[in-house]
Amino acid sequence: MDRFFTFFGKAIAYVINILDPDAIVIGGGVGNIDEIYTLGVEKAIPHVFNHRLETSFFKPKLGDSAGVFGAAYL
């Protein structure tokens, strides 16, 4: 899991550096890992260009069912 959090931190830092989002919603099965919102974000901080990480991270309100709701809506 430490390796997962390390590479998640690097990957999400690249997204933050390129897009500079105010918020990120982490969906799918990965969003169910509670430590990703603490340890994963912590691992991103050294790779972010800014002096501090201001991006907020959220769980999806619909959980794993977001895709099903989207398909039904279509």
PDB file of N, CA and C in Angstrom:
ATOM      1  N   MET A   1       0.819  -1.188   0.000  1.00  0.00           N
ATOM      2  CA  MET A   1       0.000   0.000   0.000  1.00  0.00           C
ATOM      3  C   MET A   1       0.866   1.256   0.000  1.00  0.00           C
ATOM      4  N   ASP A   2       2.033   1.180   0.647  1.00  0.00           N
ATOM      5  CA  ASP A   2       2.910   2.353   0.655  1.00  0.00           C
ATOM      6  C   ASP A   2       3.329   2.718  -0.768  1.00  0.00           C
ATOM      7  N   ARG A   3       3.627   1.703  -1.548  1.00  0.00           N
ATOM      8  CA  ARG A   3       3.993   1.943  -2.952  1.00  0.00           C
ATOM      9  C   ARG A   3       2.817   2.577  -3.712  1.00  0.00           C
ATOM     10  N   PHE A   4       1.607   2.092  -3.459  1.00  0.00           N
ATOM     11  CA  PHE A   4       0.422   2.650  -4.096  1.00  0.00           C
ATOM     12  C   PHE A   4       0.272   4.132  -3.749  1.00  0.00           C
ATOM     13  N   PHE A   5       0.390   4.473  -2.465  1.00  0.00           N
ATOM     14  CA  PHE A   5       0.234   5.861  -2.046  1.00  0.00           C
ATOM     15  C   PHE A   5       1.330   6.750  -2.626  1.00  0.00           C
ATOM     16  N   THR A   6       2.545   6.220  -2.715  1.00  0.00           N
ATOM     17  CA  THR A   6       3.648   6.983  -3.299  1.00  0.00           C
ATOM     18  C   THR A   6       3.369   7.330  -4.754  1.00  0.00           C
ATOM     19  N   PHE A   7       2.964   6.345  -5.539  1.00  0.00           N
ATOM     20  CA  PHE A   7       2.710   6.598  -6.953  1.00  0.00           C
ATOM     21  C   PHE A   7       1.409   7.365  -7.176  1.00  0.00           C
ATOM     22  N   PHE A   8       0.428   7.181  -6.310  1.00  0.00           N
ATOM     23  CA  PHE A   8      -0.783   7.991  -6.385  1.00  0.00           C
ATOM     24  C   PHE A   8      -0.427   9.456  -6.138  1.00  0.00           C
ATOM     25  N   GLY A   9       0.401   9.710  -5.137  1.00  0.00           N
ATOM     26  CA  GLY A   9       0.816  11.074  -4.826  1.00  0.00           C
ATOM     27  C   GLY A   9       1.517  11.737  -5.992  1.00  0.00           C
ATOM     28  N   LYS A  10       2.413  11.008  -6.643  1.00  0.00           N
ATOM     29  CA  LYS A  10       3.110  11.562  -7.815  1.00  0.00           C
ATOM     30  C   LYS A  10       2.130  11.833  -8.949  1.00  0.00           C
ATOM     31  N   ALA A  11       1.251  10.889  -9.219  1.00  0.00           N
ATOM     32  CA  ALA A  11       0.310  11.032 -10.338  1.00  0.00           C
ATOM     33  C   ALA A  11      -0.654  12.188 -10.108  1.00  0.00           C
ATOM     34  N   ILE A  12      -1.193  12.290  -8.917  1.00  0.00           N
ATOM     35  CA  ILE A  12      -2.162  13.358  -8.644  1.00  0.00           C
ATOM     36  C   ILE A  12      -1.462  14.711  -8.612  1.00  0.00           C
ATOM     37  N   ALA A  13      -0.187  14.738  -8.219  1.00  0.00           N
ATOM     38  CA  ALA A  13       0.586  15.986  -8.246  1.00  0.00           C
ATOM     39  C   ALA A  13       0.769  16.467  -9.684  1.00  0.00           C
ATOM     40  N   TYR A  14       0.990  15.555 -10.617  1.00  0.00           N
ATOM     41  CA  TYR A  14       1.117  15.951 -12.031  1.00  0.00           C
ATOM     42  C   TYR A  14      -0.177  16.580 -12.526  1.00  0.00           C
ATOM     43  N   VAL A  15      -1.306  15.987 -12.152  1.00  0.00           N
ATOM     44  CA  VAL A  15      -2.605  16.533 -12.550  1.00  0.00           C
ATOM     45  C   VAL A  15      -2.785  17.930 -11.954  1.00  0.00           C
ATOM     46  N   ILE A  16      -2.433  18.083 -10.692  1.00  0.00           N
ATOM     47  CA  ILE A  16      -2.575  19.375 -10.021  1.00  0.00           C
ATOM     48  C   ILE A  16      -1.650  20.418 -10.660  1.00  0.00           C
ATOM     49  N   ASN A  17      -0.429  20.014 -10.983  1.00  0.00           N
ATOM     50  CA  ASN A  17       0.516  20.953 -11.589  1.00  0.00           C
ATOM     51  C   ASN A  17       0.073  21.414 -12.969  1.00  0.00           C
ATOM     52  N   ILE A  18      -0.573  20.559 -13.717  1.00  0.00           N
ATOM     53  CA  ILE A  18      -0.992  20.906 -15.075  1.00  0.00           C
ATOM     54  C   ILE A  18      -2.314  21.657 -15.087  1.00  0.00           C
ATOM     55  N   LEU A  19      -3.313  21.163 -14.339  1.00  0.00           N
ATOM     56  CA  LEU A  19      -4.667  21.717 -14.415  1.00  0.00           C
ATOM     57  C   LEU A  19      -5.002  22.723 -13.307  1.00  0.00           C
ATOM     58  N   ASP A  20      -4.306  22.664 -12.190  1.00  0.00           N
ATOM     59  CA  ASP A  20      -4.551  23.520 -11.032  1.00  0.00           C
ATOM     60  C   ASP A  20      -6.025  23.528 -10.626  1.00  0.00           C
ATOM     61  N   PRO A  21      -6.605  22.339 -10.337  1.00  0.00           N
ATOM     62  CA  PRO A  21      -8.029  22.285  -9.973  1.00  0.00           C
ATOM     63  C   PRO A  21      -8.262  22.760  -8.534  1.00  0.00           C
ATOM     64  N   ASP A  22      -9.463  23.262  -8.291  1.00  0.00           N
ATOM     65  CA  ASP A  22      -9.852  23.637  -6.930  1.00  0.00           C
ATOM     66  C   ASP A  22     -10.234  22.406  -6.115  1.00  0.00           C
ATOM     67  N   ALA A  23     -10.794  21.400  -6.810  1.00  0.00           N
ATOM     68  CA  ALA A  23     -11.245  20.181  -6.136  1.00  0.00           C
ATOM     69  C   ALA A  23     -11.068  18.984  -7.059  1.00  0.00           C
ATOM     70  N   ILE A  24     -10.866  17.830  -6.457  1.00  0.00           N
ATOM     71  CA  ILE A  24     -10.752  16.567  -7.186  1.00  0.00           C
ATOM     72  C   ILE A  24     -11.665  15.556  -6.513  1.00  0.00           C
ATOM     73  N   VAL A  25     -12.506  14.890  -7.307  1.00  0.00           N
ATOM     74  CA  VAL A  25     -13.361  13.819  -6.809  1.00  0.00           C
ATOM     75  C   VAL A  25     -12.720  12.508  -7.240  1.00  0.00           C
ATOM     76  N   ILE A  26     -12.414  11.664  -6.280  1.00  0.00           N
ATOM     77  CA  ILE A  26     -11.759  10.393  -6.563  1.00  0.00           C
ATOM     78  C   ILE A  26     -12.829   9.315  -6.558  1.00  0.00           C
ATOM     79  N   GLY A  27     -13.184   8.840  -7.738  1.00  0.00           N
ATOM     80  CA  GLY A  27     -14.265   7.874  -7.860  1.00  0.00           C
ATOM     81  C   GLY A  27     -13.782   6.453  -8.034  1.00  0.00           C
ATOM     82  N   GLY A  28     -14.730   5.581  -8.281  1.00  0.00           N
ATOM     83  CA  GLY A  28     -14.437   4.169  -8.491  1.00  0.00           C
ATOM     84  C   GLY A  28     -14.049   3.476  -7.203  1.00  0.00           C
ATOM     85  N   GLY A  29     -13.462   2.321  -7.345  1.00  0.00           N
ATOM     86  CA  GLY A  29     -13.042   1.544  -6.185  1.00  0.00           C
ATOM     87  C   GLY A  29     -11.946   2.224  -5.389  1.00  0.00           C
ATOM     88  N   VAL A  30     -11.106   3.013  -6.066  1.00  0.00           N
ATOM     89  CA  VAL A  30     -10.019   3.711  -5.394  1.00  0.00           C
ATOM     90  C   VAL A  30     -10.576   4.714  -4.385  1.00  0.00           C
ATOM     91  N   GLY A  31     -11.702   5.327  -4.701  1.00  0.00           N
ATOM     92  CA  GLY A  31     -12.309   6.299  -3.802  1.00  0.00           C
ATOM     93  C   GLY A  31     -12.779   5.708  -2.491  1.00  0.00           C
ATOM     94  N   ASN A  32     -12.883   4.387  -2.422  1.00  0.00           N
ATOM     95  CA  ASN A  32     -13.309   3.718  -1.193  1.00  0.00           C
ATOM     96  C   ASN A  32     -12.174   3.515  -0.197  1.00  0.00           C
ATOM     97  N   ILE A  33     -10.954   3.782  -0.616  1.00  0.00           N
ATOM     98  CA  ILE A  33      -9.797   3.646   0.277  1.00  0.00           C
ATOM     99  C   ILE A  33      -9.671   4.934   1.081  1.00  0.00           C
ATOM    100  N   ASP A  34     -10.026   4.893   2.350  1.00  0.00           N
ATOM    101  CA  ASP A  34     -10.053   6.100   3.169  1.00  0.00           C
ATOM    102  C   ASP A  34      -8.682   6.757   3.318  1.00  0.00           C
ATOM    103  N   GLU A  35      -7.626   5.955   3.352  1.00  0.00           N
ATOM    104  CA  GLU A  35      -6.284   6.498   3.540  1.00  0.00           C
ATOM    105  C   GLU A  35      -5.810   7.330   2.349  1.00  0.00           C
ATOM    106  N   ILE A  36      -6.463   7.189   1.212  1.00  0.00           N
ATOM    107  CA  ILE A  36      -6.040   7.946   0.034  1.00  0.00           C
ATOM    108  C   ILE A  36      -6.250   9.446   0.242  1.00  0.00           C
ATOM    109  N   TYR A  37      -7.212   9.799   1.082  1.00  0.00           N
ATOM    110  CA  TYR A  37      -7.508  11.202   1.358  1.00  0.00           C
ATOM    111  C   TYR A  37      -6.561  11.800   2.395  1.00  0.00           C
ATOM    112  N   THR A  38      -5.776  10.958   3.043  1.00  0.00           N
ATOM    113  CA  THR A  38      -4.782  11.447   4.003  1.00  0.00           C
ATOM    114  C   THR A  38      -3.374  11.112   3.519  1.00  0.00           C
ATOM    115  N   LEU A  39      -3.033   9.828   3.482  1.00  0.00           N
ATOM    116  CA  LEU A  39      -1.687   9.421   3.083  1.00  0.00           C
ATOM    117  C   LEU A  39      -1.393   9.722   1.613  1.00  0.00           C
ATOM    118  N   GLY A  40      -2.371   9.487   0.749  1.00  0.00           N
ATOM    119  CA  GLY A  40      -2.166   9.754  -0.676  1.00  0.00           C
ATOM    120  C   GLY A  40      -1.933  11.222  -0.952  1.00  0.00           C
ATOM    121  N   VAL A  41      -2.703  12.069  -0.299  1.00  0.00           N
ATOM    122  CA  VAL A  41      -2.552  13.517  -0.465  1.00  0.00           C
ATOM    123  C   VAL A  41      -1.224  13.972   0.139  1.00  0.00           C
ATOM    124  N   GLU A  42      -0.862  13.394   1.263  1.00  0.00           N
ATOM    125  CA  GLU A  42       0.411  13.710   1.906  1.00  0.00           C
ATOM    126  C   GLU A  42       1.591  13.426   0.980  1.00  0.00           C
ATOM    127  N   LYS A  43       1.514  12.311   0.254  1.00  0.00           N
ATOM    128  CA  LYS A  43       2.590  11.924  -0.660  1.00  0.00           C
ATOM    129  C   LYS A  43       2.660  12.844  -1.881  1.00  0.00           C
ATOM    130  N   ALA A  44       1.583  13.562  -2.176  1.00  0.00           N
ATOM    131  CA  ALA A  44       1.562  14.473  -3.326  1.00  0.00           C
ATOM    132  C   ALA A  44       2.266  15.785  -3.025  1.00  0.00           C
ATOM    133  N   ILE A  45       2.282  16.195  -1.785  1.00  0.00           N
ATOM    134  CA  ILE A  45       2.783  17.519  -1.409  1.00  0.00           C
ATOM    135  C   ILE A  45       4.212  17.792  -1.895  1.00  0.00           C
ATOM    136  N   PRO A  46       5.162  16.864  -1.767  1.00  0.00           N
ATOM    137  CA  PRO A  46       6.520  17.165  -2.237  1.00  0.00           C
ATOM    138  C   PRO A  46       6.632  17.353  -3.754  1.00  0.00           C
ATOM    139  N   HIS A  47       5.644  16.902  -4.503  1.00  0.00           N
ATOM    140  CA  HIS A  47       5.714  16.949  -5.963  1.00  0.00           C
ATOM    141  C   HIS A  47       4.908  18.100  -6.566  1.00  0.00           C
ATOM    142  N   VAL A  48       4.195  18.842  -5.736  1.00  0.00           N
ATOM    143  CA  VAL A  48       3.388  19.966  -6.219  1.00  0.00           C
ATOM    144  C   VAL A  48       4.285  21.187  -6.333  1.00  0.00           C
ATOM    145  N   PHE A  49       4.117  21.950  -7.412  1.00  0.00           N
ATOM    146  CA  PHE A  49       4.956  23.121  -7.656  1.00  0.00           C
ATOM    147  C   PHE A  49       4.747  24.224  -6.621  1.00  0.00           C
ATOM    148  N   ASN A  50       3.532  24.400  -6.138  1.00  0.00           N
ATOM    149  CA  ASN A  50       3.244  25.444  -5.158  1.00  0.00           C
ATOM    150  C   ASN A  50       3.840  25.083  -3.806  1.00  0.00           C
ATOM    151  N   HIS A  51       3.934  26.070  -2.932  1.00  0.00           N
ATOM    152  CA  HIS A  51       4.487  25.832  -1.600  1.00  0.00           C
ATOM    153  C   HIS A  51       3.531  25.056  -0.701  1.00  0.00           C
ATOM    154  N   ARG A  52       2.249  25.096  -1.051  1.00  0.00           N
ATOM    155  CA  ARG A  52       1.265  24.336  -0.276  1.00  0.00           C
ATOM    156  C   ARG A  52       0.206  23.779  -1.219  1.00  0.00           C
ATOM    157  N   LEU A  53      -0.442  22.734  -0.768  1.00  0.00           N
ATOM    158  CA  LEU A  53      -1.469  22.075  -1.566  1.00  0.00           C
ATOM    159  C   LEU A  53      -2.833  22.616  -1.153  1.00  0.00           C
ATOM    160  N   GLU A  54      -3.497  23.335  -2.061  1.00  0.00           N
ATOM    161  CA  GLU A  54      -4.782  23.955  -1.752  1.00  0.00           C
ATOM    162  C   GLU A  54      -5.961  23.217  -2.386  1.00  0.00           C
ATOM    163  N   THR A  55      -5.696  22.179  -3.159  1.00  0.00           N
ATOM    164  CA  THR A  55      -6.748  21.408  -3.812  1.00  0.00           C
ATOM    165  C   THR A  55      -7.477  20.551  -2.778  1.00  0.00           C
ATOM    166  N   SER A  56      -8.805  20.546  -2.841  1.00  0.00           N
ATOM    167  CA  SER A  56      -9.614  19.721  -1.943  1.00  0.00           C
ATOM    168  C   SER A  56      -9.913  18.382  -2.613  1.00  0.00           C
ATOM    169  N   PHE A  57      -9.968  17.331  -1.826  1.00  0.00           N
ATOM    170  CA  PHE A  57     -10.252  15.990  -2.329  1.00  0.00           C
ATOM    171  C   PHE A  57     -11.556  15.498  -1.713  1.00  0.00           C
ATOM    172  N   PHE A  58     -12.425  14.919  -2.554  1.00  0.00           N
ATOM    173  CA  PHE A  58     -13.738  14.475  -2.102  1.00  0.00           C
ATOM    174  C   PHE A  58     -14.046  13.067  -2.580  1.00  0.00           C
ATOM    175  N   LYS A  59     -14.897  12.394  -1.800  1.00  0.00           N
ATOM    176  CA  LYS A  59     -15.482  11.123  -2.231  1.00  0.00           C
ATOM    177  C   LYS A  59     -16.696  11.456  -3.085  1.00  0.00           C
ATOM    178  N   PRO A  60     -17.019  10.619  -4.079  1.00  0.00           N
ATOM    179  CA  PRO A  60     -18.222  10.890  -4.868  1.00  0.00           C
ATOM    180  C   PRO A  60     -19.485  10.663  -4.039  1.00  0.00           C
ATOM    181  N   LYS A  61     -20.475  11.539  -4.196  1.00  0.00           N
ATOM    182  CA  LYS A  61     -21.714  11.427  -3.423  1.00  0.00           C
ATOM    183  C   LYS A  61     -22.484  10.155  -3.757  1.00  0.00           C
ATOM    184  N   LEU A  62     -22.370   9.689  -5.003  1.00  0.00           N
ATOM    185  CA  LEU A  62     -23.101   8.496  -5.430  1.00  0.00           C
ATOM    186  C   LEU A  62     -22.301   7.212  -5.243  1.00  0.00           C
ATOM    187  N   GLY A  63     -21.088   7.323  -4.737  1.00  0.00           N
ATOM    188  CA  GLY A  63     -20.257   6.145  -4.513  1.00  0.00           C
ATOM    189  C   GLY A  63     -19.905   5.436  -5.808  1.00  0.00           C
ATOM    190  N   ASP A  64     -19.872   4.124  -5.776  1.00  0.00           N
ATOM    191  CA  ASP A  64     -19.522   3.328  -6.951  1.00  0.00           C
ATOM    192  C   ASP A  64     -20.629   3.328  -7.998  1.00  0.00           C
ATOM    193  N   SER A  65     -21.797   3.817  -7.648  1.00  0.00           N
ATOM    194  CA  SER A  65     -22.953   3.754  -8.544  1.00  0.00           C
ATOM    195  C   SER A  65     -23.052   4.942  -9.495  1.00  0.00           C
ATOM    196  N   ALA A  66     -22.106   5.835  -9.495  1.00  0.00           N
ATOM    197  CA  ALA A  66     -22.181   7.034 -10.336  1.00  0.00           C
ATOM    198  C   ALA A  66     -22.320   6.675 -11.818  1.00  0.00           C
ATOM    199  N   GLY A  67     -21.596   5.687 -12.279  1.00  0.00           N
ATOM    200  CA  GLY A  67     -21.679   5.261 -13.676  1.00  0.00           C
ATOM    201  C   GLY A  67     -23.055   4.725 -14.036  1.00  0.00           C
ATOM    202  N   VAL A  68     -23.652   3.981 -13.123  1.00  0.00           N
ATOM    203  CA  VAL A  68     -24.977   3.421 -13.349  1.00  0.00           C
ATOM    204  C   VAL A  68     -26.010   4.544 -13.429  1.00  0.00           C
ATOM    205  N   PHE A  69     -25.907   5.517 -12.527  1.00  0.00           N
ATOM    206  CA  PHE A  69     -26.842   6.652 -12.564  1.00  0.00           C
ATOM    207  C   PHE A  69     -26.674   7.453 -13.852  1.00  0.00           C
ATOM    208  N   GLY A  70     -25.434   7.650 -14.286  1.00  0.00           N
ATOM    209  CA  GLY A  70     -25.187   8.379 -15.533  1.00  0.00           C
ATOM    210  C   GLY A  70     -25.761   7.656 -16.736  1.00  0.00           C
ATOM    211  N   ALA A  71     -25.591   6.339 -16.788  1.00  0.00           N
ATOM    212  CA  ALA A  71     -26.145   5.572 -17.904  1.00  0.00           C
ATOM    213  C   ALA A  71     -27.670   5.604 -17.890  1.00  0.00           C
ATOM    214  N   ALA A  72     -28.253   5.528 -16.721  1.00  0.00           N
ATOM    215  CA  ALA A  72     -29.714   5.564 -16.618  1.00  0.00           C
ATOM    216  C   ALA A  72     -30.250   6.937 -17.029  1.00  0.00           C
ATOM    217  N   TYR A  73     -29.499   7.970 -16.736  1.00  0.00           N
ATOM    218  CA  TYR A  73     -29.915   9.325 -17.067  1.00  0.00           C
ATOM    219  C   TYR A  73     -29.945   9.532 -18.583  1.00  0.00           C
ATOM    220  N   LEU A  74     -29.040   8.847 -19.289  1.00  0.00           N
ATOM    221  CA  LEU A  74     -28.993   8.988 -20.746  1.00  0.00           C
ATOM    222  C   LEU A  74     -30.234   8.353 -21.359  1.00  0.00           C
TER     223      LEU A  74
END
